[in-house]
Amino acid sequence: MPGDSDDELKRIKEKKLSEMIAPKKGGVEKMSHSYVELTDANFDSTISSAKLPVLVDFWAAWCGPCIMMAPIFEQLAKEYEGKALLAKVNVDENQEVSQKFGIYGIPTFIFFKGGKEVGRVIGAMGASGLKAELNRHL
């Protein structure tokens, strides 16, 4: 059927995109990216001990807007290295922390300072919009 091949191509594309942006499982480790991965196990300790402001991207591999935001987030992570800690939380793999912060729509970006939430943006936006929000919290 014609629709079947379209569905199969879409599934393959989504799988490849998620593999490209999905961080490895484990503790807080520097990825090949400029951001770190946070999990249910290390979220609280990382946020509370961070000396820099923290921007956390709550995302999922199946989320189109999240995939669209991935290169923007990566660029900001490089640009703000040493000024802010940028981190990602996969909501499918880390449901405890996602529920704790009431993540119902993704992508959701939460800004932390001194271990406390100081701002939140829900939904995809352009690089300049996310950068402006990040600058507000530095």
N, C-alpha and C. Protein backbone atom coordinates (compact mmCIF):
# COMPACT_ATOMS: atom_id res chain seq x y z
N MET A 1 0.82 -1.17 0.00
CA MET A 1 0.00 0.00 0.00
C MET A 1 0.87 1.25 0.00
N PRO A 2 0.49 2.30 -0.71
CA PRO A 2 1.30 3.52 -0.77
C PRO A 2 1.54 4.15 0.59
N GLY A 3 0.55 4.19 1.46
CA GLY A 3 0.70 4.81 2.77
C GLY A 3 1.66 4.06 3.68
N ASP A 4 1.76 2.74 3.47
CA ASP A 4 2.65 1.92 4.30
C ASP A 4 4.10 2.33 4.15
N SER A 5 4.55 2.60 2.92
CA SER A 5 5.95 2.98 2.71
C SER A 5 6.22 4.36 3.31
N ASP A 6 5.23 5.25 3.24
CA ASP A 6 5.39 6.57 3.86
C ASP A 6 5.53 6.44 5.37
N ASP A 7 4.69 5.58 5.95
CA ASP A 7 4.77 5.35 7.39
C ASP A 7 6.10 4.74 7.78
N GLU A 8 6.58 3.79 6.99
CA GLU A 8 7.86 3.14 7.27
C GLU A 8 9.01 4.15 7.17
N LEU A 9 8.99 4.99 6.16
CA LEU A 9 10.03 6.02 6.02
C LEU A 9 9.99 7.00 7.19
N LYS A 10 8.80 7.36 7.60
CA LYS A 10 8.66 8.27 8.73
C LYS A 10 9.22 7.63 10.00
N ARG A 11 8.91 6.35 10.22
CA ARG A 11 9.40 5.63 11.40
C ARG A 11 10.92 5.56 11.39
N ILE A 12 11.51 5.25 10.23
CA ILE A 12 12.97 5.17 10.12
C ILE A 12 13.59 6.53 10.39
N LYS A 13 13.02 7.58 9.81
CA LYS A 13 13.54 8.93 10.00
C LYS A 13 13.49 9.32 11.47
N GLU A 14 12.36 9.06 12.14
CA GLU A 14 12.23 9.40 13.56
C GLU A 14 13.23 8.63 14.40
N LYS A 15 13.44 7.35 14.07
CA LYS A 15 14.39 6.54 14.82
C LYS A 15 15.81 7.09 14.66
N LYS A 16 16.18 7.41 13.44
CA LYS A 16 17.53 7.95 13.19
C LYS A 16 17.72 9.29 13.88
N LEU A 17 16.73 10.17 13.80
CA LEU A 17 16.83 11.47 14.47
C LEU A 17 16.97 11.30 15.97
N SER A 18 16.19 10.39 16.55
CA SER A 18 16.28 10.19 18.00
C SER A 18 17.63 9.62 18.39
N GLU A 19 18.19 8.74 17.56
CA GLU A 19 19.52 8.20 17.84
C GLU A 19 20.58 9.29 17.78
N MET A 20 20.40 10.24 16.89
CA MET A 20 21.37 11.32 16.74
C MET A 20 21.36 12.27 17.92
N ILE A 21 20.19 12.53 18.49
CA ILE A 21 20.12 13.52 19.56
C ILE A 21 20.02 12.92 20.94
N ALA A 22 19.74 11.63 21.05
CA ALA A 22 19.56 11.01 22.37
C ALA A 22 20.89 10.86 23.09
N PRO A 23 21.01 11.44 24.28
CA PRO A 23 22.23 11.25 25.05
C PRO A 23 22.31 9.83 25.59
N LYS A 24 23.51 9.39 25.92
CA LYS A 24 23.71 8.06 26.48
C LYS A 24 23.18 8.02 27.90
N LYS A 25 22.77 6.82 28.32
CA LYS A 25 22.31 6.64 29.70
C LYS A 25 23.49 6.69 30.64
N GLY A 26 23.21 7.05 31.88
CA GLY A 26 24.27 7.05 32.88
C GLY A 26 24.20 8.29 33.73
N GLY A 27 25.28 8.57 34.43
CA GLY A 27 25.35 9.72 35.32
C GLY A 27 25.56 11.00 34.56
N VAL A 28 25.87 12.05 35.31
CA VAL A 28 26.16 13.33 34.67
C VAL A 28 27.52 13.18 34.03
N GLU A 29 27.51 13.10 32.74
CA GLU A 29 28.77 12.99 32.03
C GLU A 29 28.74 13.95 30.87
N LYS A 30 29.88 14.47 30.55
CA LYS A 30 29.96 15.38 29.43
C LYS A 30 29.74 14.55 28.18
N MET A 31 28.86 14.96 27.34
CA MET A 31 28.56 14.22 26.13
C MET A 31 29.49 14.73 25.02
N SER A 32 29.34 14.15 23.84
CA SER A 32 30.07 14.70 22.71
C SER A 32 29.47 16.06 22.39
N HIS A 33 28.33 16.33 23.01
CA HIS A 33 27.68 17.63 22.88
C HIS A 33 28.21 18.54 23.99
N SER A 34 27.77 19.77 23.98
CA SER A 34 28.21 20.73 24.99
C SER A 34 27.28 20.75 26.21
N TYR A 35 26.25 19.94 26.21
CA TYR A 35 25.33 19.88 27.33
C TYR A 35 25.52 18.56 28.08
N VAL A 36 24.88 18.46 29.25
CA VAL A 36 24.95 17.23 30.03
C VAL A 36 23.57 16.59 30.08
N GLU A 37 23.55 15.30 30.34
CA GLU A 37 22.30 14.57 30.51
C GLU A 37 21.98 14.50 31.99
N LEU A 38 20.74 14.81 32.32
CA LEU A 38 20.28 14.66 33.69
C LEU A 38 19.26 13.53 33.73
N THR A 39 19.24 12.82 34.86
CA THR A 39 18.34 11.69 35.04
C THR A 39 17.60 11.85 36.37
N ASP A 40 16.66 10.95 36.61
CA ASP A 40 15.97 10.94 37.91
C ASP A 40 16.99 10.82 39.04
N ALA A 41 18.04 10.04 38.80
CA ALA A 41 19.02 9.76 39.85
C ALA A 41 19.94 10.94 40.16
N ASN A 42 20.26 11.75 39.17
CA ASN A 42 21.26 12.80 39.40
C ASN A 42 20.72 14.23 39.28
N PHE A 43 19.45 14.39 39.00
CA PHE A 43 18.90 15.72 38.74
C PHE A 43 19.07 16.65 39.94
N ASP A 44 18.53 16.25 41.09
CA ASP A 44 18.54 17.14 42.26
C ASP A 44 19.96 17.52 42.68
N SER A 45 20.86 16.55 42.74
CA SER A 45 22.22 16.85 43.18
C SER A 45 22.94 17.76 42.19
N THR A 46 22.69 17.56 40.90
CA THR A 46 23.34 18.40 39.89
C THR A 46 22.82 19.83 39.96
N ILE A 47 21.52 19.99 40.02
CA ILE A 47 20.92 21.33 40.05
C ILE A 47 21.32 22.07 41.33
N SER A 48 21.27 21.40 42.47
CA SER A 48 21.58 22.07 43.73
C SER A 48 23.06 22.42 43.88
N SER A 49 23.93 21.69 43.22
CA SER A 49 25.36 21.96 43.36
C SER A 49 25.92 22.83 42.23
N ALA A 50 25.11 23.16 41.25
CA ALA A 50 25.60 23.94 40.11
C ALA A 50 25.99 25.35 40.54
N LYS A 51 27.16 25.75 40.17
CA LYS A 51 27.65 27.11 40.48
C LYS A 51 27.13 28.12 39.46
N LEU A 52 26.78 27.63 38.28
CA LEU A 52 26.27 28.48 37.20
C LEU A 52 24.76 28.35 37.10
N PRO A 53 24.10 29.31 36.48
CA PRO A 53 22.68 29.13 36.16
C PRO A 53 22.53 27.90 35.27
N VAL A 54 21.39 27.22 35.38
CA VAL A 54 21.17 25.99 34.63
C VAL A 54 19.91 26.15 33.77
N LEU A 55 20.02 25.74 32.52
CA LEU A 55 18.87 25.66 31.62
C LEU A 55 18.67 24.20 31.29
N VAL A 56 17.49 23.67 31.63
CA VAL A 56 17.18 22.26 31.38
C VAL A 56 16.12 22.15 30.30
N ASP A 57 16.41 21.35 29.30
CA ASP A 57 15.50 21.04 28.20
C ASP A 57 14.84 19.70 28.48
N PHE A 58 13.54 19.71 28.77
CA PHE A 58 12.77 18.48 28.92
C PHE A 58 12.25 18.11 27.54
N TRP A 59 12.61 16.93 27.04
CA TRP A 59 12.35 16.56 25.65
C TRP A 59 12.03 15.07 25.54
N ALA A 60 11.64 14.65 24.33
CA ALA A 60 11.44 13.23 24.02
C ALA A 60 11.84 13.00 22.57
N ALA A 61 12.29 11.79 22.29
CA ALA A 61 12.78 11.44 20.96
C ALA A 61 11.68 11.47 19.90
N TRP A 62 10.44 11.26 20.29
CA TRP A 62 9.33 11.21 19.34
C TRP A 62 8.72 12.59 19.08
N CYS A 63 9.20 13.60 19.78
CA CYS A 63 8.62 14.95 19.73
C CYS A 63 9.25 15.78 18.61
N GLY A 64 8.47 16.09 17.59
CA GLY A 64 8.98 16.88 16.46
C GLY A 64 9.55 18.23 16.87
N PRO A 65 8.82 19.03 17.65
CA PRO A 65 9.38 20.31 18.08
C PRO A 65 10.67 20.16 18.91
N CYS A 66 10.76 19.07 19.69
CA CYS A 66 11.99 18.82 20.47
C CYS A 66 13.16 18.57 19.53
N ILE A 67 12.93 17.81 18.49
CA ILE A 67 13.97 17.51 17.51
C ILE A 67 14.39 18.78 16.79
N MET A 68 13.40 19.63 16.50
CA MET A 68 13.69 20.91 15.86
C MET A 68 14.54 21.81 16.75
N MET A 69 14.32 21.74 18.06
CA MET A 69 15.05 22.58 19.01
C MET A 69 16.45 22.05 19.32
N ALA A 70 16.71 20.79 19.04
CA ALA A 70 17.99 20.16 19.42
C ALA A 70 19.21 20.92 18.90
N PRO A 71 19.28 21.28 17.61
CA PRO A 71 20.47 22.01 17.16
C PRO A 71 20.58 23.42 17.75
N ILE A 72 19.46 24.05 18.04
CA ILE A 72 19.46 25.37 18.67
C ILE A 72 20.02 25.24 20.09
N PHE A 73 19.56 24.22 20.81
CA PHE A 73 20.02 23.99 22.17
C PHE A 73 21.52 23.68 22.18
N GLU A 74 21.95 22.86 21.25
CA GLU A 74 23.37 22.50 21.14
C GLU A 74 24.22 23.74 20.88
N GLN A 75 23.77 24.61 19.99
CA GLN A 75 24.51 25.83 19.69
C GLN A 75 24.60 26.74 20.92
N LEU A 76 23.49 26.88 21.64
CA LEU A 76 23.51 27.70 22.85
C LEU A 76 24.41 27.09 23.92
N ALA A 77 24.43 25.76 24.01
CA ALA A 77 25.30 25.10 24.99
C ALA A 77 26.76 25.43 24.71
N LYS A 78 27.13 25.45 23.44
CA LYS A 78 28.51 25.81 23.08
C LYS A 78 28.78 27.29 23.37
N GLU A 79 27.84 28.12 22.99
CA GLU A 79 27.99 29.57 23.13
C GLU A 79 28.06 30.01 24.60
N TYR A 80 27.32 29.33 25.47
CA TYR A 80 27.25 29.74 26.87
C TYR A 80 28.12 28.88 27.80
N GLU A 81 28.98 28.07 27.22
CA GLU A 81 29.87 27.24 28.04
C GLU A 81 30.69 28.14 28.96
N GLY A 82 30.68 27.83 30.25
CA GLY A 82 31.37 28.65 31.24
C GLY A 82 30.50 29.75 31.83
N LYS A 83 29.35 30.05 31.18
CA LYS A 83 28.43 31.07 31.69
C LYS A 83 27.16 30.44 32.26
N ALA A 84 26.78 29.30 31.70
CA ALA A 84 25.58 28.59 32.13
C ALA A 84 25.77 27.11 31.84
N LEU A 85 25.11 26.28 32.62
CA LEU A 85 25.11 24.84 32.38
C LEU A 85 23.83 24.51 31.64
N LEU A 86 23.95 23.91 30.48
CA LEU A 86 22.78 23.48 29.72
C LEU A 86 22.69 21.97 29.81
N ALA A 87 21.49 21.49 30.09
CA ALA A 87 21.28 20.06 30.31
C ALA A 87 19.97 19.62 29.68
N LYS A 88 19.87 18.31 29.41
CA LYS A 88 18.68 17.74 28.82
C LYS A 88 18.16 16.62 29.70
N VAL A 89 16.83 16.51 29.76
CA VAL A 89 16.16 15.42 30.46
C VAL A 89 15.20 14.76 29.48
N ASN A 90 15.41 13.47 29.22
CA ASN A 90 14.49 12.70 28.39
C ASN A 90 13.29 12.34 29.27
N VAL A 91 12.12 12.89 28.95
CA VAL A 91 10.94 12.71 29.81
C VAL A 91 10.45 11.27 29.81
N ASP A 92 10.68 10.52 28.75
CA ASP A 92 10.25 9.13 28.70
C ASP A 92 11.09 8.26 29.63
N GLU A 93 12.37 8.56 29.74
CA GLU A 93 13.28 7.77 30.55
C GLU A 93 13.39 8.27 31.99
N ASN A 94 12.89 9.47 32.26
CA ASN A 94 13.03 10.09 33.58
C ASN A 94 11.70 10.69 34.02
N GLN A 95 10.75 9.81 34.26
CA GLN A 95 9.39 10.25 34.56
C GLN A 95 9.25 10.87 35.95
N GLU A 96 10.08 10.46 36.87
CA GLU A 96 9.99 11.00 38.24
C GLU A 96 10.26 12.50 38.26
N VAL A 97 11.37 12.91 37.68
CA VAL A 97 11.72 14.35 37.68
C VAL A 97 10.75 15.12 36.78
N SER A 98 10.28 14.50 35.71
CA SER A 98 9.32 15.16 34.83
C SER A 98 8.02 15.43 35.56
N GLN A 99 7.57 14.47 36.36
CA GLN A 99 6.34 14.66 37.14
C GLN A 99 6.55 15.68 38.25
N LYS A 100 7.72 15.64 38.87
CA LYS A 100 8.03 16.58 39.95
C LYS A 100 7.88 18.03 39.50
N PHE A 101 8.28 18.29 38.24
CA PHE A 101 8.21 19.66 37.72
C PHE A 101 6.99 19.90 36.85
N GLY A 102 6.05 18.96 36.85
CA GLY A 102 4.80 19.16 36.13
C GLY A 102 4.98 19.36 34.64
N ILE A 103 5.80 18.52 34.04
CA ILE A 103 6.04 18.63 32.60
C ILE A 103 4.91 17.93 31.86
N TYR A 104 4.04 18.73 31.23
CA TYR A 104 2.91 18.18 30.49
C TYR A 104 3.00 18.48 29.00
N GLY A 105 3.81 19.44 28.63
CA GLY A 105 4.03 19.78 27.24
C GLY A 105 5.52 19.86 26.99
N ILE A 106 5.95 19.35 25.86
CA ILE A 106 7.37 19.41 25.53
C ILE A 106 7.55 19.99 24.14
N PRO A 107 8.67 20.62 23.90
CA PRO A 107 9.74 20.85 24.85
C PRO A 107 9.34 21.87 25.92
N THR A 108 9.88 21.65 27.12
CA THR A 108 9.77 22.62 28.21
C THR A 108 11.18 22.96 28.65
N PHE A 109 11.45 24.22 28.76
CA PHE A 109 12.77 24.71 29.20
C PHE A 109 12.59 25.36 30.57
N ILE A 110 13.33 24.85 31.56
CA ILE A 110 13.26 25.41 32.91
C ILE A 110 14.62 25.98 33.27
N PHE A 111 14.60 27.19 33.80
CA PHE A 111 15.80 27.90 34.22
C PHE A 111 15.94 27.78 35.73
N PHE A 112 17.14 27.42 36.19
CA PHE A 112 17.41 27.29 37.61
C PHE A 112 18.57 28.20 37.99
N LYS A 113 18.47 28.78 39.17
CA LYS A 113 19.54 29.60 39.71
C LYS A 113 19.61 29.30 41.20
N GLY A 114 20.79 28.97 41.69
CA GLY A 114 20.92 28.63 43.10
C GLY A 114 20.08 27.44 43.49
N GLY A 115 19.85 26.52 42.55
CA GLY A 115 19.08 25.32 42.82
C GLY A 115 17.58 25.49 42.76
N LYS A 116 17.11 26.71 42.50
CA LYS A 116 15.67 27.00 42.47
C LYS A 116 15.22 27.37 41.06
N GLU A 117 13.99 26.96 40.73
CA GLU A 117 13.42 27.34 39.43
C GLU A 117 13.16 28.84 39.42
N VAL A 118 13.65 29.51 38.36
CA VAL A 118 13.44 30.96 38.25
C VAL A 118 12.69 31.33 36.97
N GLY A 119 12.43 30.37 36.12
CA GLY A 119 11.71 30.66 34.89
C GLY A 119 11.40 29.40 34.12
N ARG A 120 10.43 29.52 33.21
CA ARG A 120 10.01 28.36 32.43
C ARG A 120 9.44 28.84 31.10
N VAL A 121 9.76 28.11 30.05
CA VAL A 121 9.21 28.37 28.72
C VAL A 121 8.73 27.03 28.18
N ILE A 122 7.50 27.01 27.68
CA ILE A 122 6.95 25.77 27.12
C ILE A 122 6.76 25.96 25.62
N GLY A 123 7.28 25.02 24.86
CA GLY A 123 7.12 25.02 23.41
C GLY A 123 8.37 25.44 22.67
N ALA A 124 8.37 25.13 21.40
CA ALA A 124 9.51 25.46 20.55
C ALA A 124 9.52 26.95 20.26
N MET A 125 10.72 27.46 20.03
CA MET A 125 10.90 28.87 19.68
C MET A 125 12.17 29.01 18.88
N GLY A 126 12.39 30.14 18.32
CA GLY A 126 13.61 30.39 17.57
C GLY A 126 14.81 30.56 18.49
N ALA A 127 15.97 30.50 17.89
CA ALA A 127 17.21 30.64 18.66
C ALA A 127 17.26 31.97 19.41
N SER A 128 16.84 33.04 18.76
CA SER A 128 16.91 34.35 19.41
C SER A 128 15.99 34.43 20.62
N GLY A 129 14.84 33.79 20.56
CA GLY A 129 13.91 33.79 21.69
C GLY A 129 14.45 33.03 22.88
N LEU A 130 15.02 31.84 22.63
CA LEU A 130 15.57 31.06 23.73
C LEU A 130 16.82 31.74 24.30
N LYS A 131 17.60 32.35 23.43
CA LYS A 131 18.79 33.07 23.88
C LYS A 131 18.40 34.27 24.76
N ALA A 132 17.36 34.99 24.37
CA ALA A 132 16.90 36.13 25.15
C ALA A 132 16.41 35.68 26.53
N GLU A 133 15.70 34.55 26.59
CA GLU A 133 15.24 34.01 27.88
C GLU A 133 16.43 33.60 28.73
N LEU A 134 17.41 32.97 28.12
CA LEU A 134 18.62 32.55 28.86
C LEU A 134 19.35 33.77 29.41
N ASN A 135 19.49 34.80 28.59
CA ASN A 135 20.18 36.03 29.04
C ASN A 135 19.45 36.67 30.22
N ARG A 136 18.13 36.59 30.23
CA ARG A 136 17.35 37.16 31.33
C ARG A 136 17.67 36.52 32.66
N HIS A 137 18.10 35.27 32.62
CA HIS A 137 18.33 34.52 33.86
C HIS A 137 19.80 34.40 34.22
N LEU A 138 20.68 35.05 33.48
CA LEU A 138 22.10 34.98 33.82
C LEU A 138 22.44 35.96 34.93
